[in-house]
PDB file of all heavy atoms in Angstrom:
ATOM      1  N   GLY A   1     148.692 -32.098  51.703  1.00  0.00           N
ATOM      2  CA  GLY A   1     147.234 -32.084  51.776  1.00  0.00           C
ATOM      3  C   GLY A   1     146.569 -31.538  50.525  1.00  0.00           C
ATOM      4  O   GLY A   1     145.463 -31.937  50.164  1.00  0.00           O
ATOM      5  N   SER A   2     147.244 -30.631  49.838  1.00  0.00           N
ATOM      6  CA  SER A   2     146.673 -30.036  48.632  1.00  0.00           C
ATOM      7  C   SER A   2     147.202 -30.690  47.363  1.00  0.00           C
ATOM      8  O   SER A   2     146.831 -30.300  46.267  1.00  0.00           O
ATOM      9  CB  SER A   2     146.970 -28.539  48.602  1.00  0.00           C
ATOM     10  OG  SER A   2     148.363 -28.329  48.578  1.00  0.00           O
ATOM     11  N   ASN A   3     148.088 -31.664  47.520  1.00  0.00           N
ATOM     12  CA  ASN A   3     148.696 -32.387  46.403  1.00  0.00           C
ATOM     13  C   ASN A   3     149.496 -31.448  45.497  1.00  0.00           C
ATOM     14  O   ASN A   3     149.436 -31.534  44.284  1.00  0.00           O
ATOM     15  CB  ASN A   3     147.645 -33.163  45.602  1.00  0.00           C
ATOM     16  CG  ASN A   3     148.277 -34.220  44.725  1.00  0.00           C
ATOM     17  OD1 ASN A   3     149.283 -34.820  45.073  1.00  0.00           O
ATOM     18  ND2 ASN A   3     147.690 -34.447  43.568  1.00  0.00           N
ATOM     19  N   TRP A   4     150.267 -30.552  46.113  1.00  0.00           N
ATOM     20  CA  TRP A   4     151.125 -29.640  45.369  1.00  0.00           C
ATOM     21  C   TRP A   4     152.514 -30.236  45.239  1.00  0.00           C
ATOM     22  O   TRP A   4     153.181 -30.526  46.217  1.00  0.00           O
ATOM     23  CB  TRP A   4     151.269 -28.296  46.074  1.00  0.00           C
ATOM     24  CG  TRP A   4     150.076 -27.404  45.987  1.00  0.00           C
ATOM     25  CD1 TRP A   4     148.963 -27.576  45.234  1.00  0.00           C
ATOM     26  CD2 TRP A   4     149.881 -26.195  46.708  1.00  0.00           C
ATOM     27  NE1 TRP A   4     148.090 -26.553  45.438  1.00  0.00           N
ATOM     28  CE2 TRP A   4     148.630 -25.689  46.327  1.00  0.00           C
ATOM     29  CE3 TRP A   4     150.651 -25.500  47.616  1.00  0.00           C
ATOM     30  CZ2 TRP A   4     148.120 -24.505  46.841  1.00  0.00           C
ATOM     31  CZ3 TRP A   4     150.148 -24.327  48.126  1.00  0.00           C
ATOM     32  CH2 TRP A   4     148.897 -23.835  47.736  1.00  0.00           C
ATOM     33  N   GLY A   5     152.944 -30.417  44.023  1.00  0.00           N
ATOM     34  CA  GLY A   5     154.308 -30.849  43.779  1.00  0.00           C
ATOM     35  C   GLY A   5     155.180 -29.636  43.546  1.00  0.00           C
ATOM     36  O   GLY A   5     154.821 -28.742  42.784  1.00  0.00           O
ATOM     37  N   PHE A   6     156.307 -29.586  44.218  1.00  0.00           N
ATOM     38  CA  PHE A   6     157.237 -28.469  44.078  1.00  0.00           C
ATOM     39  C   PHE A   6     158.579 -28.960  43.565  1.00  0.00           C
ATOM     40  O   PHE A   6     158.996 -30.081  43.856  1.00  0.00           O
ATOM     41  CB  PHE A   6     157.485 -27.782  45.436  1.00  0.00           C
ATOM     42  CG  PHE A   6     156.306 -27.040  45.966  1.00  0.00           C
ATOM     43  CD1 PHE A   6     155.543 -27.577  46.994  1.00  0.00           C
ATOM     44  CD2 PHE A   6     155.967 -25.802  45.463  1.00  0.00           C
ATOM     45  CE1 PHE A   6     154.463 -26.895  47.506  1.00  0.00           C
ATOM     46  CE2 PHE A   6     154.880 -25.102  45.962  1.00  0.00           C
ATOM     47  CZ  PHE A   6     154.126 -25.651  46.998  1.00  0.00           C
ATOM     48  N   TRP A   7     159.239 -28.107  42.826  1.00  0.00           N
ATOM     49  CA  TRP A   7     160.602 -28.393  42.390  1.00  0.00           C
ATOM     50  C   TRP A   7     161.380 -27.088  42.411  1.00  0.00           C
ATOM     51  O   TRP A   7     160.821 -26.007  42.252  1.00  0.00           O
ATOM     52  CB  TRP A   7     160.631 -29.027  41.006  1.00  0.00           C
ATOM     53  CG  TRP A   7     159.972 -28.219  39.926  1.00  0.00           C
ATOM     54  CD1 TRP A   7     158.649 -28.225  39.584  1.00  0.00           C
ATOM     55  CD2 TRP A   7     160.590 -27.277  39.042  1.00  0.00           C
ATOM     56  NE1 TRP A   7     158.408 -27.351  38.559  1.00  0.00           N
ATOM     57  CE2 TRP A   7     159.591 -26.753  38.195  1.00  0.00           C
ATOM     58  CE3 TRP A   7     161.896 -26.834  38.891  1.00  0.00           C
ATOM     59  CZ2 TRP A   7     159.848 -25.803  37.216  1.00  0.00           C
ATOM     60  CZ3 TRP A   7     162.163 -25.886  37.904  1.00  0.00           C
ATOM     61  CH2 TRP A   7     161.136 -25.393  37.082  1.00  0.00           C
ATOM     62  N   ASP A   8     162.661 -27.215  42.642  1.00  0.00           N
ATOM     63  CA  ASP A   8     163.578 -26.079  42.619  1.00  0.00           C
ATOM     64  C   ASP A   8     164.766 -26.452  41.748  1.00  0.00           C
ATOM     65  O   ASP A   8     165.255 -27.579  41.812  1.00  0.00           O
ATOM     66  CB  ASP A   8     164.121 -25.762  44.015  1.00  0.00           C
ATOM     67  CG  ASP A   8     163.164 -24.957  44.858  1.00  0.00           C
ATOM     68  OD1 ASP A   8     162.383 -24.179  44.296  1.00  0.00           O
ATOM     69  OD2 ASP A   8     163.224 -25.098  46.095  1.00  0.00           O
ATOM     70  N   TYR A   9     165.206 -25.490  40.962  1.00  0.00           N
ATOM     71  CA  TYR A   9     166.401 -25.686  40.147  1.00  0.00           C
ATOM     72  C   TYR A   9     167.500 -24.821  40.734  1.00  0.00           C
ATOM     73  O   TYR A   9     167.365 -23.601  40.833  1.00  0.00           O
ATOM     74  CB  TYR A   9     166.123 -25.310  38.696  1.00  0.00           C
ATOM     75  CG  TYR A   9     167.339 -25.338  37.798  1.00  0.00           C
ATOM     76  CD1 TYR A   9     168.221 -26.404  37.821  1.00  0.00           C
ATOM     77  CD2 TYR A   9     167.607 -24.302  36.932  1.00  0.00           C
ATOM     78  CE1 TYR A   9     169.339 -26.439  37.004  1.00  0.00           C
ATOM     79  CE2 TYR A   9     168.714 -24.321  36.102  1.00  0.00           C
ATOM     80  CZ  TYR A   9     169.577 -25.389  36.151  1.00  0.00           C
ATOM     81  OH  TYR A   9     170.685 -25.422  35.338  1.00  0.00           O
ATOM     82  N   TYR A  10     168.587 -25.441  41.134  1.00  0.00           N
ATOM     83  CA  TYR A  10     169.733 -24.743  41.678  1.00  0.00           C
ATOM     84  C   TYR A  10     170.743 -24.568  40.549  1.00  0.00           C
ATOM     85  O   TYR A  10     171.452 -25.508  40.188  1.00  0.00           O
ATOM     86  CB  TYR A  10     170.342 -25.533  42.852  1.00  0.00           C
ATOM     87  CG  TYR A  10     169.448 -25.522  44.071  1.00  0.00           C
ATOM     88  CD1 TYR A  10     168.309 -26.301  44.131  1.00  0.00           C
ATOM     89  CD2 TYR A  10     169.753 -24.702  45.147  1.00  0.00           C
ATOM     90  CE1 TYR A  10     167.476 -26.274  45.233  1.00  0.00           C
ATOM     91  CE2 TYR A  10     168.931 -24.670  46.263  1.00  0.00           C
ATOM     92  CZ  TYR A  10     167.792 -25.461  46.295  1.00  0.00           C
ATOM     93  OH  TYR A  10     166.968 -25.432  47.396  1.00  0.00           O
ATOM     94  N   ILE A  11     170.771 -23.378  39.999  1.00  0.00           N
ATOM     95  CA  ILE A  11     171.552 -23.095  38.795  1.00  0.00           C
ATOM     96  C   ILE A  11     173.040 -23.327  39.020  1.00  0.00           C
ATOM     97  O   ILE A  11     173.700 -23.988  38.219  1.00  0.00           O
ATOM     98  CB  ILE A  11     171.292 -21.659  38.307  1.00  0.00           C
ATOM     99  CG1 ILE A  11     169.835 -21.509  37.877  1.00  0.00           C
ATOM    100  CG2 ILE A  11     172.222 -21.304  37.159  1.00  0.00           C
ATOM    101  CD1 ILE A  11     169.411 -20.091  37.590  1.00  0.00           C
ATOM    102  N   ILE A  12     173.581 -22.793  40.094  1.00  0.00           N
ATOM    103  CA  ILE A  12     175.020 -22.899  40.326  1.00  0.00           C
ATOM    104  C   ILE A  12     175.439 -24.354  40.480  1.00  0.00           C
ATOM    105  O   ILE A  12     176.442 -24.785  39.916  1.00  0.00           O
ATOM    106  CB  ILE A  12     175.438 -22.056  41.544  1.00  0.00           C
ATOM    107  CG1 ILE A  12     175.212 -20.570  41.229  1.00  0.00           C
ATOM    108  CG2 ILE A  12     176.887 -22.321  41.930  1.00  0.00           C
ATOM    109  CD1 ILE A  12     175.389 -19.640  42.405  1.00  0.00           C
ATOM    110  N   GLU A  13     174.651 -25.133  41.230  1.00  0.00           N
ATOM    111  CA  GLU A  13     174.981 -26.550  41.430  1.00  0.00           C
ATOM    112  C   GLU A  13     174.485 -27.426  40.288  1.00  0.00           C
ATOM    113  O   GLU A  13     174.795 -28.600  40.223  1.00  0.00           O
ATOM    114  CB  GLU A  13     174.384 -27.064  42.746  1.00  0.00           C
ATOM    115  CG  GLU A  13     174.970 -26.434  43.982  1.00  0.00           C
ATOM    116  CD  GLU A  13     174.158 -25.227  44.460  1.00  0.00           C
ATOM    117  OE1 GLU A  13     173.236 -24.787  43.739  1.00  0.00           O
ATOM    118  OE2 GLU A  13     174.458 -24.712  45.545  1.00  0.00           O
ATOM    119  N   ASN A  14     173.649 -26.846  39.422  1.00  0.00           N
ATOM    120  CA  ASN A  14     173.054 -27.569  38.293  1.00  0.00           C
ATOM    121  C   ASN A  14     172.331 -28.839  38.760  1.00  0.00           C
ATOM    122  O   ASN A  14     172.563 -29.928  38.251  1.00  0.00           O
ATOM    123  CB  ASN A  14     174.090 -27.907  37.228  1.00  0.00           C
ATOM    124  CG  ASN A  14     173.437 -28.262  35.911  1.00  0.00           C
ATOM    125  OD1 ASN A  14     172.374 -27.743  35.575  1.00  0.00           O
ATOM    126  ND2 ASN A  14     174.043 -29.157  35.162  1.00  0.00           N
ATOM    127  N   LYS A  15     171.455 -28.644  39.764  1.00  0.00           N
ATOM    128  CA  LYS A  15     170.693 -29.781  40.268  1.00  0.00           C
ATOM    129  C   LYS A  15     169.237 -29.387  40.459  1.00  0.00           C
ATOM    130  O   LYS A  15     168.906 -28.205  40.580  1.00  0.00           O
ATOM    131  CB  LYS A  15     171.292 -30.319  41.567  1.00  0.00           C
ATOM    132  CG  LYS A  15     171.230 -29.370  42.734  1.00  0.00           C
ATOM    133  CD  LYS A  15     171.909 -29.990  43.953  1.00  0.00           C
ATOM    134  CE  LYS A  15     171.889 -29.044  45.135  1.00  0.00           C
ATOM    135  NZ  LYS A  15     172.570 -29.617  46.298  1.00  0.00           N
ATOM    136  N   VAL A  16     168.392 -30.388  40.471  1.00  0.00           N
ATOM    137  CA  VAL A  16     166.960 -30.196  40.655  1.00  0.00           C
ATOM    138  C   VAL A  16     166.556 -30.885  41.955  1.00  0.00           C
ATOM    139  O   VAL A  16     166.904 -32.045  42.183  1.00  0.00           O
ATOM    140  CB  VAL A  16     166.159 -30.797  39.478  1.00  0.00           C
ATOM    141  CG1 VAL A  16     164.667 -30.637  39.696  1.00  0.00           C
ATOM    142  CG2 VAL A  16     166.582 -30.152  38.164  1.00  0.00           C
ATOM    143  N   ILE A  17     165.839 -30.156  42.798  1.00  0.00           N
ATOM    144  CA  ILE A  17     165.321 -30.686  44.056  1.00  0.00           C
ATOM    145  C   ILE A  17     163.801 -30.759  43.911  1.00  0.00           C
ATOM    146  O   ILE A  17     163.178 -29.808  43.445  1.00  0.00           O
ATOM    147  CB  ILE A  17     165.679 -29.759  45.241  1.00  0.00           C
ATOM    148  CG1 ILE A  17     167.165 -29.467  45.301  1.00  0.00           C
ATOM    149  CG2 ILE A  17     165.161 -30.326  46.551  1.00  0.00           C
ATOM    150  CD1 ILE A  17     168.032 -30.641  45.643  1.00  0.00           C
ATOM    151  N   VAL A  18     163.220 -31.896  44.287  1.00  0.00           N
ATOM    152  CA  VAL A  18     161.763 -32.066  44.199  1.00  0.00           C
ATOM    153  C   VAL A  18     161.230 -32.565  45.538  1.00  0.00           C
ATOM    154  O   VAL A  18     161.932 -33.218  46.294  1.00  0.00           O
ATOM    155  CB  VAL A  18     161.362 -33.049  43.067  1.00  0.00           C
ATOM    156  CG1 VAL A  18     161.804 -32.525  41.715  1.00  0.00           C
ATOM    157  CG2 VAL A  18     161.919 -34.442  43.311  1.00  0.00           C
ATOM    158  N   ASN A  19     159.954 -32.253  45.808  1.00  0.00           N
ATOM    159  CA  ASN A  19     159.363 -32.792  47.024  1.00  0.00           C
ATOM    160  C   ASN A  19     158.726 -34.153  46.724  1.00  0.00           C
ATOM    161  O   ASN A  19     158.621 -34.568  45.563  1.00  0.00           O
ATOM    162  CB  ASN A  19     158.376 -31.806  47.662  1.00  0.00           C
ATOM    163  CG  ASN A  19     157.107 -31.578  46.872  1.00  0.00           C
ATOM    164  OD1 ASN A  19     156.978 -31.973  45.713  1.00  0.00           O
ATOM    165  ND2 ASN A  19     156.140 -30.930  47.490  1.00  0.00           N
ATOM    166  N   LYS A  20     158.327 -34.840  47.772  1.00  0.00           N
ATOM    167  CA  LYS A  20     157.738 -36.176  47.608  1.00  0.00           C
ATOM    168  C   LYS A  20     156.480 -36.120  46.755  1.00  0.00           C
ATOM    169  O   LYS A  20     156.246 -36.992  45.926  1.00  0.00           O
ATOM    170  CB  LYS A  20     157.410 -36.787  48.968  1.00  0.00           C
ATOM    171  CG  LYS A  20     158.602 -37.245  49.739  1.00  0.00           C
ATOM    172  CD  LYS A  20     158.176 -37.873  51.066  1.00  0.00           C
ATOM    173  CE  LYS A  20     159.380 -38.347  51.841  1.00  0.00           C
ATOM    174  NZ  LYS A  20     158.992 -38.955  53.131  1.00  0.00           N
ATOM    175  N   THR A  21     155.679 -35.093  46.955  1.00  0.00           N
ATOM    176  CA  THR A  21     154.417 -34.982  46.213  1.00  0.00           C
ATOM    177  C   THR A  21     154.668 -34.894  44.719  1.00  0.00           C
ATOM    178  O   THR A  21     153.930 -35.473  43.928  1.00  0.00           O
ATOM    179  CB  THR A  21     153.603 -33.771  46.712  1.00  0.00           C
ATOM    180  OG1 THR A  21     153.380 -33.911  48.115  1.00  0.00           O
ATOM    181  CG2 THR A  21     152.271 -33.675  46.000  1.00  0.00           C
ATOM    182  N   TRP A  22     155.713 -34.193  44.307  1.00  0.00           N
ATOM    183  CA  TRP A  22     156.035 -34.090  42.881  1.00  0.00           C
ATOM    184  C   TRP A  22     156.223 -35.486  42.296  1.00  0.00           C
ATOM    185  O   TRP A  22     155.717 -35.795  41.221  1.00  0.00           O
ATOM    186  CB  TRP A  22     157.288 -33.227  42.684  1.00  0.00           C
ATOM    187  CG  TRP A  22     157.640 -33.014  41.251  1.00  0.00           C
ATOM    188  CD1 TRP A  22     157.184 -32.005  40.447  1.00  0.00           C
ATOM    189  CD2 TRP A  22     158.496 -33.819  40.440  1.00  0.00           C
ATOM    190  NE1 TRP A  22     157.724 -32.141  39.181  1.00  0.00           N
ATOM    191  CE2 TRP A  22     158.528 -33.256  39.149  1.00  0.00           C
ATOM    192  CE3 TRP A  22     159.238 -34.963  40.668  1.00  0.00           C
ATOM    193  CZ2 TRP A  22     159.274 -33.784  38.106  1.00  0.00           C
ATOM    194  CZ3 TRP A  22     159.987 -35.498  39.632  1.00  0.00           C
ATOM    195  CH2 TRP A  22     159.990 -34.909  38.369  1.00  0.00           C
ATOM    196  N   ALA A  23     156.959 -36.328  43.006  1.00  0.00           N
ATOM    197  CA  ALA A  23     157.209 -37.695  42.523  1.00  0.00           C
ATOM    198  C   ALA A  23     155.917 -38.500  42.455  1.00  0.00           C
ATOM    199  O   ALA A  23     155.650 -39.178  41.464  1.00  0.00           O
ATOM    200  CB  ALA A  23     158.226 -38.386  43.421  1.00  0.00           C
ATOM    201  N   THR A  24     155.096 -38.402  43.497  1.00  0.00           N
ATOM    202  CA  THR A  24     153.867 -39.207  43.519  1.00  0.00           C
ATOM    203  C   THR A  24     152.842 -38.699  42.506  1.00  0.00           C
ATOM    204  O   THR A  24     152.039 -39.487  42.009  1.00  0.00           O
ATOM    205  CB  THR A  24     153.250 -39.265  44.934  1.00  0.00           C
ATOM    206  OG1 THR A  24     152.935 -37.944  45.373  1.00  0.00           O
ATOM    207  CG2 THR A  24     154.198 -39.942  45.906  1.00  0.00           C
ATOM    208  N   GLN A  25     152.878 -37.413  42.181  1.00  0.00           N
ATOM    209  CA  GLN A  25     151.977 -36.895  41.143  1.00  0.00           C
ATOM    210  C   GLN A  25     152.239 -37.577  39.802  1.00  0.00           C
ATOM    211  O   GLN A  25     151.337 -37.705  38.993  1.00  0.00           O
ATOM    212  CB  GLN A  25     152.137 -35.386  40.976  1.00  0.00           C
ATOM    213  CG  GLN A  25     151.497 -34.582  42.051  1.00  0.00           C
ATOM    214  CD  GLN A  25     151.707 -33.100  41.828  1.00  0.00           C
ATOM    215  OE1 GLN A  25     152.736 -32.665  41.310  1.00  0.00           O
ATOM    216  NE2 GLN A  25     150.733 -32.313  42.227  1.00  0.00           N
TER     217      GLN A  25
END
C-alpha cells in the first residue's frame, strides 16, 4: 500500500531476497 520495496542480503548464503514491490518499483 505504501509502495515500499524491501531487500535483504543473506551474507552466509550470499543471496539477495526482494519483495514484489521492489521488483515493480
